[in-house]
Amino acid sequence: MSEFSKLVRDRIPQIIRENGADPVTYTADPEEYRSRLRDKLGEEVSEFLGADRDSAPEELADVLEVVRALAVDLGVDPNQLEKIRENKAHERGGFADRVVWAGNR
């Protein structure tokens, strides 16, 4: 197995085959999957942070896809995750007001 390996979207091996290459893949066990999802989240966040305004929505969608997979792995339905987000927003607010905290006096 190559030193380079990473979690990829489910259809990537098919797309690689359609482009004439022969991908080497395996299915991660649950522990490796969890670890690789966390790595993937870091990768996707990094790509989002480096994206220009035009490509940022695509990169943000990738982040969301990984977040949804992490939720499912934790046993949290994505709809339940949204409810948790809504509750936190109700209790603590969101980020729409662009408030920056600079410490206390």
C-alpha atoms as a PDB file:
ATOM      1  CA  MET A   1       0.000   0.000   0.000  1.00  0.00           C
ATOM      2  CA  SER A   2       1.253   3.454  -0.887  1.00  0.00           C
ATOM      3  CA  GLU A   3       2.296   5.854   1.853  1.00  0.00           C
ATOM      4  CA  PHE A   4      -0.297   8.216   0.401  1.00  0.00           C
ATOM      5  CA  SER A   5      -3.811   7.189   1.234  1.00  0.00           C
ATOM      6  CA  LYS A   6      -6.837   9.189   2.253  1.00  0.00           C
ATOM      7  CA  LEU A   7     -10.557   8.915   2.658  1.00  0.00           C
ATOM      8  CA  VAL A   8     -12.339   9.815  -0.560  1.00  0.00           C
ATOM      9  CA  ARG A   9     -15.949  10.183  -1.628  1.00  0.00           C
ATOM     10  CA  ASP A  10     -17.689   6.916  -2.502  1.00  0.00           C
ATOM     11  CA  ARG A  11     -17.760   7.451  -6.277  1.00  0.00           C
ATOM     12  CA  ILE A  12     -14.097   8.495  -6.644  1.00  0.00           C
ATOM     13  CA  PRO A  13     -12.831   4.965  -7.491  1.00  0.00           C
ATOM     14  CA  GLN A  14     -15.480   4.707 -10.245  1.00  0.00           C
ATOM     15  CA  ILE A  15     -14.472   8.123 -11.612  1.00  0.00           C
ATOM     16  CA  ILE A  16     -10.800   7.082 -11.577  1.00  0.00           C
ATOM     17  CA  ARG A  17     -11.682   3.900 -13.522  1.00  0.00           C
ATOM     18  CA  GLU A  18     -13.698   5.938 -16.030  1.00  0.00           C
ATOM     19  CA  ASN A  19     -10.552   7.990 -16.593  1.00  0.00           C
ATOM     20  CA  GLY A  20      -8.562   4.870 -17.447  1.00  0.00           C
ATOM     21  CA  ALA A  21      -6.689   4.238 -14.193  1.00  0.00           C
ATOM     22  CA  ASP A  22      -6.965   1.335 -11.769  1.00  0.00           C
ATOM     23  CA  PRO A  23      -7.478   2.608  -8.211  1.00  0.00           C
ATOM     24  CA  VAL A  24      -6.239   0.640  -5.211  1.00  0.00           C
ATOM     25  CA  THR A  25      -8.785   0.900  -2.419  1.00  0.00           C
ATOM     26  CA  TYR A  26      -9.939  -0.808   0.748  1.00  0.00           C
ATOM     27  CA  THR A  27     -12.734  -0.274   3.246  1.00  0.00           C
ATOM     28  CA  ALA A  28     -11.643   1.268   6.527  1.00  0.00           C
ATOM     29  CA  ASP A  29     -12.723  -0.350   9.767  1.00  0.00           C
ATOM     30  CA  PRO A  30     -14.823   1.849  12.078  1.00  0.00           C
ATOM     31  CA  GLU A  31     -11.865   3.125  14.109  1.00  0.00           C
ATOM     32  CA  GLU A  32      -9.814   4.033  11.038  1.00  0.00           C
ATOM     33  CA  TYR A  33     -12.878   5.567   9.377  1.00  0.00           C
ATOM     34  CA  ARG A  34     -13.439   7.836  12.389  1.00  0.00           C
ATOM     35  CA  SER A  35      -9.800   8.915  12.355  1.00  0.00           C
ATOM     36  CA  ARG A  36      -9.773   9.494   8.619  1.00  0.00           C
ATOM     37  CA  LEU A  37     -12.988  11.523   8.794  1.00  0.00           C
ATOM     38  CA  ARG A  38     -11.315  13.832  11.298  1.00  0.00           C
ATOM     39  CA  ASP A  39      -8.290  14.128   9.011  1.00  0.00           C
ATOM     40  CA  LYS A  40     -10.616  14.811   6.088  1.00  0.00           C
ATOM     41  CA  LEU A  41     -12.351  17.565   8.025  1.00  0.00           C
ATOM     42  CA  GLY A  42      -8.987  19.287   8.544  1.00  0.00           C
ATOM     43  CA  GLU A  43      -8.160  18.864   4.848  1.00  0.00           C
ATOM     44  CA  GLU A  44     -11.487  20.300   3.708  1.00  0.00           C
ATOM     45  CA  VAL A  45     -11.362  23.210   6.166  1.00  0.00           C
ATOM     46  CA  SER A  46      -7.847  24.022   4.933  1.00  0.00           C
ATOM     47  CA  GLU A  47      -9.052  23.974   1.320  1.00  0.00           C
ATOM     48  CA  PHE A  48     -11.955  26.256   2.252  1.00  0.00           C
ATOM     49  CA  LEU A  49      -9.639  28.693   4.028  1.00  0.00           C
ATOM     50  CA  GLY A  50      -7.432  28.855   0.946  1.00  0.00           C
ATOM     51  CA  ALA A  51     -10.290  29.197  -1.524  1.00  0.00           C
ATOM     52  CA  ASP A  52     -11.148  32.317  -3.455  1.00  0.00           C
ATOM     53  CA  ARG A  53     -14.665  33.731  -3.386  1.00  0.00           C
ATOM     54  CA  ASP A  54     -15.724  31.746  -6.479  1.00  0.00           C
ATOM     55  CA  SER A  55     -14.597  28.320  -5.240  1.00  0.00           C
ATOM     56  CA  ALA A  56     -15.416  28.870  -1.539  1.00  0.00           C
ATOM     57  CA  PRO A  57     -19.027  27.570  -1.797  1.00  0.00           C
ATOM     58  CA  GLU A  58     -17.817  24.268  -3.306  1.00  0.00           C
ATOM     59  CA  GLU A  59     -15.188  23.891  -0.590  1.00  0.00           C
ATOM     60  CA  LEU A  60     -17.712  24.758   2.120  1.00  0.00           C
ATOM     61  CA  ALA A  61     -20.043  22.082   0.729  1.00  0.00           C
ATOM     62  CA  ASP A  62     -17.184  19.586   1.130  1.00  0.00           C
ATOM     63  CA  VAL A  63     -16.793  20.640   4.763  1.00  0.00           C
ATOM     64  CA  LEU A  64     -20.521  20.135   5.282  1.00  0.00           C
ATOM     65  CA  GLU A  65     -20.393  16.668   3.711  1.00  0.00           C
ATOM     66  CA  VAL A  66     -17.658  15.613   6.141  1.00  0.00           C
ATOM     67  CA  VAL A  67     -19.510  17.153   9.104  1.00  0.00           C
ATOM     68  CA  ARG A  68     -22.622  15.182   8.159  1.00  0.00           C
ATOM     69  CA  ALA A  69     -20.577  11.953   7.910  1.00  0.00           C
ATOM     70  CA  LEU A  70     -19.022  12.652  11.322  1.00  0.00           C
ATOM     71  CA  ALA A  71     -22.482  13.181  12.799  1.00  0.00           C
ATOM     72  CA  VAL A  72     -23.711   9.864  11.416  1.00  0.00           C
ATOM     73  CA  ASP A  73     -20.581   8.150  12.741  1.00  0.00           C
ATOM     74  CA  LEU A  74     -21.383   9.577  16.199  1.00  0.00           C
ATOM     75  CA  GLY A  75     -24.911   8.209  15.913  1.00  0.00           C
ATOM     76  CA  VAL A  76     -26.406  11.651  15.372  1.00  0.00           C
ATOM     77  CA  ASP A  77     -28.825  12.020  12.481  1.00  0.00           C
ATOM     78  CA  PRO A  78     -27.962  15.122  10.404  1.00  0.00           C
ATOM     79  CA  ASN A  79     -31.459  16.474  11.155  1.00  0.00           C
ATOM     80  CA  GLN A  80     -30.771  16.017  14.864  1.00  0.00           C
ATOM     81  CA  LEU A  81     -27.454  17.831  14.386  1.00  0.00           C
ATOM     82  CA  GLU A  82     -29.372  20.722  12.850  1.00  0.00           C
ATOM     83  CA  LYS A  83     -31.705  20.785  15.878  1.00  0.00           C
ATOM     84  CA  ILE A  84     -28.661  20.915  18.182  1.00  0.00           C
ATOM     85  CA  ARG A  85     -27.296  23.803  16.106  1.00  0.00           C
ATOM     86  CA  GLU A  86     -30.645  25.602  16.272  1.00  0.00           C
ATOM     87  CA  ASN A  87     -30.828  25.183  20.058  1.00  0.00           C
ATOM     88  CA  LYS A  88     -27.308  26.563  20.496  1.00  0.00           C
ATOM     89  CA  ALA A  89     -28.141  29.479  18.222  1.00  0.00           C
ATOM     90  CA  HIS A  90     -31.264  30.178  20.250  1.00  0.00           C
ATOM     91  CA  GLU A  91     -29.377  30.009  23.560  1.00  0.00           C
ATOM     92  CA  ARG A  92     -26.129  31.728  22.546  1.00  0.00           C
ATOM     93  CA  GLY A  93     -26.882  33.372  19.222  1.00  0.00           C
ATOM     94  CA  GLY A  94     -25.334  32.833  15.832  1.00  0.00           C
ATOM     95  CA  PHE A  95     -22.726  34.892  14.026  1.00  0.00           C
ATOM     96  CA  ALA A  96     -24.912  37.194  11.933  1.00  0.00           C
ATOM     97  CA  ASP A  97     -24.181  40.270  14.059  1.00  0.00           C
ATOM     98  CA  ARG A  98     -20.413  39.908  13.440  1.00  0.00           C
ATOM     99  CA  VAL A  99     -19.620  40.452  17.146  1.00  0.00           C
ATOM    100  CA  VAL A 100     -15.907  40.291  18.012  1.00  0.00           C
ATOM    101  CA  TRP A 101     -15.006  39.888  21.685  1.00  0.00           C
ATOM    102  CA  ALA A 102     -11.829  41.688  22.731  1.00  0.00           C
ATOM    103  CA  GLY A 103     -11.679  40.676  26.385  1.00  0.00           C
ATOM    104  CA  ASN A 104     -13.131  42.146  29.587  1.00  0.00           C
ATOM    105  CA  ARG A 105     -12.466  45.406  31.450  1.00  0.00           C
END
